[in-house]
Amino acid sequence: MGLSYVVCEKSNLVATIDFKGKSFFGMTGVQHSVSGSIRKLDSDEVIYEVEGVWDSAVKITHVKTGERTTLYSKEESAEDAMHVWLPPESDLEETNSLAVWKKCSDAIWKKDAKLANEEKKAVEDAQRYVQCTSANLLRGLWPQR
């Protein structure tokens, strides 16, 4: 989160974009909002203003004409999303992240937030257990100072 800059000396433009995360204590602002501008480097004249929500849609407005264009749309880009190849489940080792998170992923696809959270907690608890037992095992292998 925070300010990002993109400078293109060839086009004489600089983009200043402010990415915002969750609002402060959930009381103000729009969650995941983005705002900024595209300016000329040599004169600091603002050409475009940028605003939106970075996980759904971002619009760009030409300052002089007021013309507004969609810079990014989650819905439009989802239609053009690449197709992902995944190996068959039978080929996955039990520690492969696809296998580890399968139940949680299935719950997300079913839009069952409660089950997804339960499965996420189960994975995290199992990871904590492995980490704890590994640390205890290693303590037994090396003498304490």
N, C-alpha and C. Protein backbone atom coordinates (compact mmCIF):
# COMPACT_ATOMS: atom_id res chain seq x y z
N MET A 1 0.83 -1.16 0.00
CA MET A 1 0.00 0.00 0.00
C MET A 1 0.89 1.23 0.00
N GLY A 2 0.34 2.31 -0.43
CA GLY A 2 1.08 3.55 -0.44
C GLY A 2 1.26 4.09 -1.84
N LEU A 3 2.13 5.08 -1.92
CA LEU A 3 2.36 5.78 -3.17
C LEU A 3 3.32 5.03 -4.08
N SER A 4 2.98 5.02 -5.37
CA SER A 4 3.85 4.43 -6.39
C SER A 4 4.01 5.46 -7.50
N TYR A 5 5.20 5.44 -8.10
CA TYR A 5 5.48 6.37 -9.19
C TYR A 5 5.98 5.58 -10.39
N VAL A 6 5.53 6.00 -11.57
CA VAL A 6 6.06 5.45 -12.82
C VAL A 6 6.44 6.64 -13.67
N VAL A 7 7.73 6.69 -14.05
CA VAL A 7 8.24 7.80 -14.84
C VAL A 7 8.64 7.29 -16.21
N CYS A 8 8.18 7.99 -17.25
CA CYS A 8 8.57 7.67 -18.62
C CYS A 8 9.13 8.94 -19.25
N GLU A 9 10.45 9.03 -19.29
CA GLU A 9 11.09 10.22 -19.85
C GLU A 9 10.80 10.34 -21.34
N LYS A 10 10.68 9.22 -22.03
CA LYS A 10 10.42 9.22 -23.48
C LYS A 10 9.10 9.93 -23.80
N SER A 11 8.06 9.66 -22.99
CA SER A 11 6.76 10.30 -23.22
C SER A 11 6.59 11.57 -22.40
N ASN A 12 7.57 11.89 -21.56
CA ASN A 12 7.53 13.08 -20.70
C ASN A 12 6.36 13.03 -19.72
N LEU A 13 6.06 11.81 -19.20
CA LEU A 13 4.94 11.66 -18.27
C LEU A 13 5.38 10.97 -16.99
N VAL A 14 4.68 11.28 -15.91
CA VAL A 14 4.88 10.60 -14.64
C VAL A 14 3.49 10.28 -14.06
N ALA A 15 3.34 9.04 -13.61
CA ALA A 15 2.09 8.63 -12.96
C ALA A 15 2.35 8.50 -11.47
N THR A 16 1.50 9.10 -10.69
CA THR A 16 1.55 8.99 -9.24
C THR A 16 0.27 8.31 -8.80
N ILE A 17 0.41 7.12 -8.22
CA ILE A 17 -0.77 6.33 -7.84
C ILE A 17 -0.68 6.01 -6.35
N ASP A 18 -1.76 6.25 -5.64
CA ASP A 18 -1.83 5.96 -4.21
C ASP A 18 -2.77 4.77 -4.01
N PHE A 19 -2.19 3.62 -3.61
CA PHE A 19 -2.97 2.42 -3.33
C PHE A 19 -3.31 2.41 -1.85
N LYS A 20 -4.58 2.28 -1.55
CA LYS A 20 -5.02 2.28 -0.15
C LYS A 20 -5.55 0.89 0.20
N GLY A 21 -5.28 0.46 1.40
CA GLY A 21 -5.75 -0.85 1.86
C GLY A 21 -7.05 -0.71 2.60
N LYS A 22 -7.13 -1.42 3.70
CA LYS A 22 -8.32 -1.32 4.53
C LYS A 22 -8.36 0.04 5.18
N SER A 23 -9.56 0.54 5.39
CA SER A 23 -9.70 1.85 6.00
C SER A 23 -9.25 1.80 7.47
N PHE A 24 -8.87 2.95 7.99
CA PHE A 24 -8.38 3.08 9.35
C PHE A 24 -9.48 2.70 10.33
N PHE A 25 -9.31 1.61 11.05
CA PHE A 25 -10.28 1.10 12.01
C PHE A 25 -11.65 0.86 11.36
N GLY A 26 -11.68 0.73 10.04
CA GLY A 26 -12.93 0.47 9.34
C GLY A 26 -13.91 1.62 9.40
N MET A 27 -13.43 2.83 9.69
CA MET A 27 -14.34 3.94 9.91
C MET A 27 -14.39 4.93 8.74
N THR A 28 -13.32 5.06 7.97
CA THR A 28 -13.31 6.07 6.92
C THR A 28 -12.78 5.49 5.62
N GLY A 29 -13.13 6.12 4.53
CA GLY A 29 -12.58 5.76 3.24
C GLY A 29 -13.17 4.50 2.65
N VAL A 30 -12.79 4.26 1.40
CA VAL A 30 -13.24 3.09 0.67
C VAL A 30 -12.12 2.06 0.69
N GLN A 31 -12.44 0.85 1.06
CA GLN A 31 -11.45 -0.21 1.13
C GLN A 31 -10.91 -0.50 -0.27
N HIS A 32 -9.60 -0.68 -0.40
CA HIS A 32 -8.91 -1.03 -1.64
C HIS A 32 -9.02 0.06 -2.70
N SER A 33 -9.16 1.30 -2.29
CA SER A 33 -9.29 2.36 -3.29
C SER A 33 -7.92 2.75 -3.84
N VAL A 34 -7.97 3.37 -5.01
CA VAL A 34 -6.77 3.85 -5.68
C VAL A 34 -7.09 5.23 -6.23
N SER A 35 -6.12 6.13 -6.13
CA SER A 35 -6.31 7.46 -6.71
C SER A 35 -4.95 7.95 -7.16
N GLY A 36 -4.97 8.90 -8.08
CA GLY A 36 -3.70 9.43 -8.53
C GLY A 36 -3.87 10.31 -9.75
N SER A 37 -2.72 10.56 -10.40
CA SER A 37 -2.73 11.43 -11.57
C SER A 37 -1.59 11.04 -12.50
N ILE A 38 -1.76 11.48 -13.75
CA ILE A 38 -0.70 11.36 -14.74
C ILE A 38 -0.39 12.78 -15.18
N ARG A 39 0.89 13.17 -15.00
CA ARG A 39 1.30 14.55 -15.25
C ARG A 39 2.45 14.61 -16.24
N LYS A 40 2.61 15.81 -16.83
CA LYS A 40 3.78 16.06 -17.67
C LYS A 40 4.97 16.28 -16.75
N LEU A 41 6.09 15.69 -17.09
CA LEU A 41 7.29 15.83 -16.26
C LEU A 41 7.81 17.26 -16.24
N ASP A 42 7.83 17.90 -17.40
CA ASP A 42 8.46 19.21 -17.48
C ASP A 42 7.63 20.35 -16.93
N SER A 43 6.30 20.20 -16.89
CA SER A 43 5.47 21.32 -16.42
C SER A 43 4.61 20.97 -15.21
N ASP A 44 4.58 19.71 -14.83
CA ASP A 44 3.76 19.25 -13.71
C ASP A 44 2.26 19.39 -13.99
N GLU A 45 1.88 19.64 -15.27
CA GLU A 45 0.48 19.77 -15.65
C GLU A 45 -0.19 18.40 -15.57
N VAL A 46 -1.33 18.36 -14.88
CA VAL A 46 -2.08 17.11 -14.74
C VAL A 46 -2.88 16.87 -16.02
N ILE A 47 -2.65 15.70 -16.64
CA ILE A 47 -3.34 15.33 -17.88
C ILE A 47 -4.55 14.45 -17.55
N TYR A 48 -4.34 13.45 -16.68
CA TYR A 48 -5.38 12.50 -16.30
C TYR A 48 -5.47 12.39 -14.79
N GLU A 49 -6.65 12.10 -14.32
CA GLU A 49 -6.85 11.72 -12.92
C GLU A 49 -7.31 10.28 -12.89
N VAL A 50 -6.82 9.53 -11.91
CA VAL A 50 -7.11 8.11 -11.79
C VAL A 50 -7.84 7.88 -10.48
N GLU A 51 -8.91 7.07 -10.53
CA GLU A 51 -9.62 6.74 -9.29
C GLU A 51 -10.39 5.45 -9.47
N GLY A 52 -10.61 4.78 -8.36
CA GLY A 52 -11.39 3.56 -8.41
C GLY A 52 -11.08 2.65 -7.24
N VAL A 53 -11.39 1.40 -7.43
CA VAL A 53 -11.15 0.37 -6.43
C VAL A 53 -10.31 -0.70 -7.11
N TRP A 54 -9.08 -0.91 -6.63
CA TRP A 54 -8.13 -1.72 -7.37
C TRP A 54 -8.48 -3.19 -7.49
N ASP A 55 -9.45 -3.69 -6.73
CA ASP A 55 -9.83 -5.08 -6.91
C ASP A 55 -11.17 -5.21 -7.65
N SER A 56 -11.65 -4.11 -8.28
CA SER A 56 -12.85 -4.22 -9.11
C SER A 56 -12.74 -3.38 -10.38
N ALA A 57 -12.68 -2.06 -10.28
CA ALA A 57 -12.59 -1.22 -11.48
C ALA A 57 -11.85 0.08 -11.18
N VAL A 58 -11.03 0.51 -12.14
CA VAL A 58 -10.31 1.77 -12.03
C VAL A 58 -10.59 2.58 -13.29
N LYS A 59 -10.96 3.84 -13.09
CA LYS A 59 -11.30 4.74 -14.20
C LYS A 59 -10.24 5.82 -14.32
N ILE A 60 -10.09 6.32 -15.54
CA ILE A 60 -9.15 7.40 -15.81
C ILE A 60 -9.93 8.52 -16.49
N THR A 61 -9.73 9.75 -16.03
CA THR A 61 -10.47 10.90 -16.56
C THR A 61 -9.50 11.90 -17.16
N HIS A 62 -9.74 12.29 -18.42
CA HIS A 62 -8.93 13.32 -19.06
C HIS A 62 -9.36 14.67 -18.48
N VAL A 63 -8.43 15.38 -17.88
CA VAL A 63 -8.75 16.60 -17.13
C VAL A 63 -9.38 17.67 -18.01
N LYS A 64 -8.84 17.89 -19.21
CA LYS A 64 -9.35 18.97 -20.07
C LYS A 64 -10.72 18.66 -20.67
N THR A 65 -10.90 17.42 -21.13
CA THR A 65 -12.15 17.08 -21.83
C THR A 65 -13.20 16.47 -20.92
N GLY A 66 -12.78 15.94 -19.78
CA GLY A 66 -13.72 15.27 -18.88
C GLY A 66 -14.07 13.86 -19.34
N GLU A 67 -13.48 13.41 -20.44
CA GLU A 67 -13.75 12.06 -20.95
C GLU A 67 -13.24 11.03 -19.95
N ARG A 68 -14.11 10.08 -19.64
CA ARG A 68 -13.80 9.07 -18.64
C ARG A 68 -13.73 7.70 -19.32
N THR A 69 -12.67 6.96 -19.02
CA THR A 69 -12.43 5.66 -19.64
C THR A 69 -12.09 4.65 -18.55
N THR A 70 -12.49 3.40 -18.77
CA THR A 70 -12.12 2.34 -17.85
C THR A 70 -10.69 1.92 -18.12
N LEU A 71 -9.85 2.05 -17.11
CA LEU A 71 -8.45 1.63 -17.22
C LEU A 71 -8.33 0.15 -16.90
N TYR A 72 -9.08 -0.30 -15.91
CA TYR A 72 -9.07 -1.71 -15.50
C TYR A 72 -10.45 -2.08 -15.00
N SER A 73 -10.91 -3.26 -15.42
CA SER A 73 -12.17 -3.80 -14.93
C SER A 73 -11.99 -5.28 -14.64
N LYS A 74 -12.25 -5.67 -13.41
CA LYS A 74 -12.12 -7.07 -13.02
C LYS A 74 -13.03 -7.94 -13.88
N GLU A 75 -14.25 -7.49 -14.11
CA GLU A 75 -15.20 -8.27 -14.90
C GLU A 75 -14.70 -8.47 -16.32
N GLU A 76 -14.19 -7.40 -16.95
CA GLU A 76 -13.70 -7.51 -18.32
C GLU A 76 -12.45 -8.37 -18.41
N SER A 77 -11.55 -8.22 -17.43
CA SER A 77 -10.31 -9.00 -17.49
C SER A 77 -10.56 -10.47 -17.14
N ALA A 78 -11.60 -10.75 -16.35
CA ALA A 78 -11.90 -12.14 -16.02
C ALA A 78 -12.32 -12.92 -17.27
N GLU A 79 -12.96 -12.24 -18.21
CA GLU A 79 -13.36 -12.89 -19.45
C GLU A 79 -12.15 -13.30 -20.27
N ASP A 80 -11.06 -12.54 -20.17
CA ASP A 80 -9.86 -12.82 -20.95
C ASP A 80 -8.80 -13.56 -20.14
N ALA A 81 -9.16 -14.00 -18.95
CA ALA A 81 -8.17 -14.65 -18.07
C ALA A 81 -7.59 -15.89 -18.74
N MET A 82 -6.32 -16.11 -18.46
CA MET A 82 -5.69 -17.29 -19.05
C MET A 82 -6.21 -18.55 -18.40
N HIS A 83 -6.16 -19.61 -19.14
CA HIS A 83 -6.58 -20.90 -18.63
C HIS A 83 -5.39 -21.57 -17.97
N VAL A 84 -5.59 -22.07 -16.79
CA VAL A 84 -4.50 -22.64 -16.01
C VAL A 84 -4.56 -24.16 -16.07
N TRP A 85 -3.42 -24.76 -16.34
CA TRP A 85 -3.34 -26.21 -16.32
C TRP A 85 -2.89 -26.65 -14.94
N LEU A 86 -3.60 -27.59 -14.37
CA LEU A 86 -3.24 -28.14 -13.07
C LEU A 86 -3.01 -29.63 -13.22
N PRO A 87 -2.02 -30.18 -12.52
CA PRO A 87 -1.79 -31.62 -12.60
C PRO A 87 -2.94 -32.37 -11.94
N PRO A 88 -3.16 -33.62 -12.35
CA PRO A 88 -4.22 -34.41 -11.70
C PRO A 88 -3.94 -34.56 -10.21
N GLU A 89 -5.00 -34.60 -9.42
CA GLU A 89 -4.84 -34.72 -7.96
C GLU A 89 -4.02 -35.95 -7.59
N SER A 90 -4.16 -37.01 -8.36
CA SER A 90 -3.44 -38.25 -8.04
C SER A 90 -1.92 -38.08 -8.17
N ASP A 91 -1.47 -37.06 -8.91
CA ASP A 91 -0.04 -36.81 -9.09
C ASP A 91 0.55 -35.87 -8.04
N LEU A 92 -0.29 -35.32 -7.19
CA LEU A 92 0.18 -34.34 -6.20
C LEU A 92 0.70 -35.04 -4.96
N GLU A 93 1.84 -34.54 -4.47
CA GLU A 93 2.34 -35.01 -3.18
C GLU A 93 1.50 -34.36 -2.09
N GLU A 94 1.45 -34.98 -0.91
CA GLU A 94 0.58 -34.44 0.15
C GLU A 94 1.01 -33.07 0.63
N THR A 95 2.27 -32.69 0.40
CA THR A 95 2.75 -31.38 0.83
C THR A 95 2.60 -30.31 -0.25
N ASN A 96 2.14 -30.68 -1.45
CA ASN A 96 1.92 -29.72 -2.52
C ASN A 96 0.81 -28.76 -2.08
N SER A 97 1.00 -27.47 -2.31
CA SER A 97 0.03 -26.48 -1.83
C SER A 97 -1.36 -26.71 -2.42
N LEU A 98 -1.45 -27.22 -3.64
CA LEU A 98 -2.77 -27.52 -4.21
C LEU A 98 -3.49 -28.57 -3.39
N ALA A 99 -2.74 -29.58 -2.92
CA ALA A 99 -3.34 -30.64 -2.10
C ALA A 99 -3.66 -30.13 -0.70
N VAL A 100 -2.73 -29.37 -0.13
CA VAL A 100 -2.89 -28.86 1.24
C VAL A 100 -4.12 -27.95 1.34
N TRP A 101 -4.32 -27.10 0.35
CA TRP A 101 -5.38 -26.11 0.40
C TRP A 101 -6.64 -26.52 -0.37
N LYS A 102 -6.72 -27.77 -0.84
CA LYS A 102 -7.84 -28.21 -1.68
C LYS A 102 -9.20 -28.00 -1.02
N LYS A 103 -9.35 -28.44 0.22
CA LYS A 103 -10.67 -28.32 0.88
C LYS A 103 -11.07 -26.85 1.03
N CYS A 104 -10.10 -26.03 1.34
CA CYS A 104 -10.37 -24.59 1.48
C CYS A 104 -10.76 -24.01 0.11
N SER A 105 -10.02 -24.37 -0.92
CA SER A 105 -10.33 -23.88 -2.28
C SER A 105 -11.70 -24.33 -2.73
N ASP A 106 -12.03 -25.60 -2.47
CA ASP A 106 -13.35 -26.11 -2.85
C ASP A 106 -14.45 -25.30 -2.16
N ALA A 107 -14.26 -24.98 -0.89
CA ALA A 107 -15.26 -24.20 -0.15
C ALA A 107 -15.40 -22.80 -0.74
N ILE A 108 -14.27 -22.21 -1.15
CA ILE A 108 -14.31 -20.87 -1.76
C ILE A 108 -15.10 -20.92 -3.06
N TRP A 109 -14.82 -21.93 -3.89
CA TRP A 109 -15.55 -22.06 -5.17
C TRP A 109 -17.04 -22.26 -4.94
N LYS A 110 -17.40 -22.89 -3.82
CA LYS A 110 -18.82 -23.10 -3.49
C LYS A 110 -19.42 -21.88 -2.80
N LYS A 111 -18.57 -20.86 -2.58
CA LYS A 111 -18.98 -19.61 -1.92
C LYS A 111 -19.46 -19.86 -0.50
N ASP A 112 -18.81 -20.82 0.16
CA ASP A 112 -19.13 -21.16 1.55
C ASP A 112 -18.03 -20.59 2.45
N ALA A 113 -18.20 -19.34 2.84
CA ALA A 113 -17.17 -18.64 3.61
C ALA A 113 -16.90 -19.30 4.95
N LYS A 114 -17.94 -19.79 5.59
CA LYS A 114 -17.76 -20.41 6.90
C LYS A 114 -16.88 -21.66 6.79
N LEU A 115 -17.18 -22.52 5.83
CA LEU A 115 -16.38 -23.73 5.63
C LEU A 115 -14.96 -23.38 5.18
N ALA A 116 -14.82 -22.38 4.31
CA ALA A 116 -13.50 -21.95 3.84
C ALA A 116 -12.64 -21.50 5.03
N ASN A 117 -13.23 -20.74 5.93
CA ASN A 117 -12.50 -20.28 7.12
C ASN A 117 -12.11 -21.45 8.02
N GLU A 118 -13.02 -22.42 8.17
CA GLU A 118 -12.71 -23.60 8.98
C GLU A 118 -11.56 -24.40 8.37
N GLU A 119 -11.60 -24.57 7.05
CA GLU A 119 -10.53 -25.32 6.37
C GLU A 119 -9.21 -24.57 6.42
N LYS A 120 -9.26 -23.26 6.29
CA LYS A 120 -8.06 -22.42 6.39
C LYS A 120 -7.44 -22.57 7.77
N LYS A 121 -8.28 -22.53 8.80
CA LYS A 121 -7.80 -22.68 10.17
C LYS A 121 -7.17 -24.06 10.36
N ALA A 122 -7.78 -25.09 9.79
CA ALA A 122 -7.24 -26.45 9.91
C ALA A 122 -5.85 -26.55 9.28
N VAL A 123 -5.68 -25.94 8.11
CA VAL A 123 -4.36 -25.96 7.45
C VAL A 123 -3.35 -25.20 8.30
N GLU A 124 -3.72 -24.02 8.78
CA GLU A 124 -2.79 -23.22 9.58
C GLU A 124 -2.43 -23.93 10.89
N ASP A 125 -3.40 -24.56 11.54
CA ASP A 125 -3.13 -25.31 12.77
C ASP A 125 -2.18 -26.46 12.50
N ALA A 126 -2.37 -27.16 11.39
CA ALA A 126 -1.49 -28.27 11.04
C ALA A 126 -0.07 -27.76 10.76
N GLN A 127 0.04 -26.63 10.09
CA GLN A 127 1.36 -26.06 9.81
C GLN A 127 2.04 -25.63 11.11
N ARG A 128 1.29 -25.06 12.04
CA ARG A 128 1.87 -24.68 13.33
C ARG A 128 2.36 -25.91 14.09
N TYR A 129 1.59 -26.99 14.04
CA TYR A 129 1.96 -28.23 14.72
C TYR A 129 3.28 -28.77 14.14
N VAL A 130 3.38 -28.81 12.82
CA VAL A 130 4.61 -29.30 12.17
C VAL A 130 5.79 -28.42 12.55
N GLN A 131 5.58 -27.12 12.53
CA GLN A 131 6.65 -26.19 12.88
C GLN A 131 7.10 -26.39 14.33
N CYS A 132 6.16 -26.54 15.22
CA CYS A 132 6.47 -26.72 16.64
C CYS A 132 7.21 -28.04 16.87
N THR A 133 6.71 -29.12 16.29
CA THR A 133 7.36 -30.42 16.51
C THR A 133 8.73 -30.46 15.86
N SER A 134 8.90 -29.80 14.72
CA SER A 134 10.21 -29.74 14.08
C SER A 134 11.20 -28.98 14.95
N ALA A 135 10.75 -27.86 15.52
CA ALA A 135 11.61 -27.06 16.38
C ALA A 135 12.01 -27.86 17.62
N ASN A 136 11.06 -28.60 18.20
CA ASN A 136 11.37 -29.41 19.38
C ASN A 136 12.33 -30.54 19.04
N LEU A 137 12.16 -31.14 17.88
CA LEU A 137 13.06 -32.20 17.44
C LEU A 137 14.47 -31.67 17.27
N LEU A 138 14.59 -30.50 16.65
CA LEU A 138 15.91 -29.92 16.43
C LEU A 138 16.59 -29.54 17.74
N ARG A 139 15.81 -29.09 18.72
CA ARG A 139 16.39 -28.75 20.03
C ARG A 139 17.05 -29.98 20.65
N GLY A 140 16.48 -31.16 20.42
CA GLY A 140 17.04 -32.38 20.97
C GLY A 140 18.30 -32.83 20.27
N LEU A 141 18.52 -32.39 19.05
CA LEU A 141 19.70 -32.80 18.28
C LEU A 141 20.94 -31.98 18.62
N TRP A 142 20.73 -30.72 18.99
CA TRP A 142 21.87 -29.86 19.30
C TRP A 142 21.82 -29.47 20.77
N PRO A 143 22.98 -29.53 21.41
CA PRO A 143 23.02 -29.14 22.83
C PRO A 143 22.70 -27.65 22.99
N GLN A 144 21.99 -27.35 24.07
CA GLN A 144 21.64 -25.96 24.36
C GLN A 144 22.86 -25.26 24.98
N ARG A 145 22.99 -24.00 24.68
CA ARG A 145 24.10 -23.22 25.25
C ARG A 145 23.64 -22.47 26.45
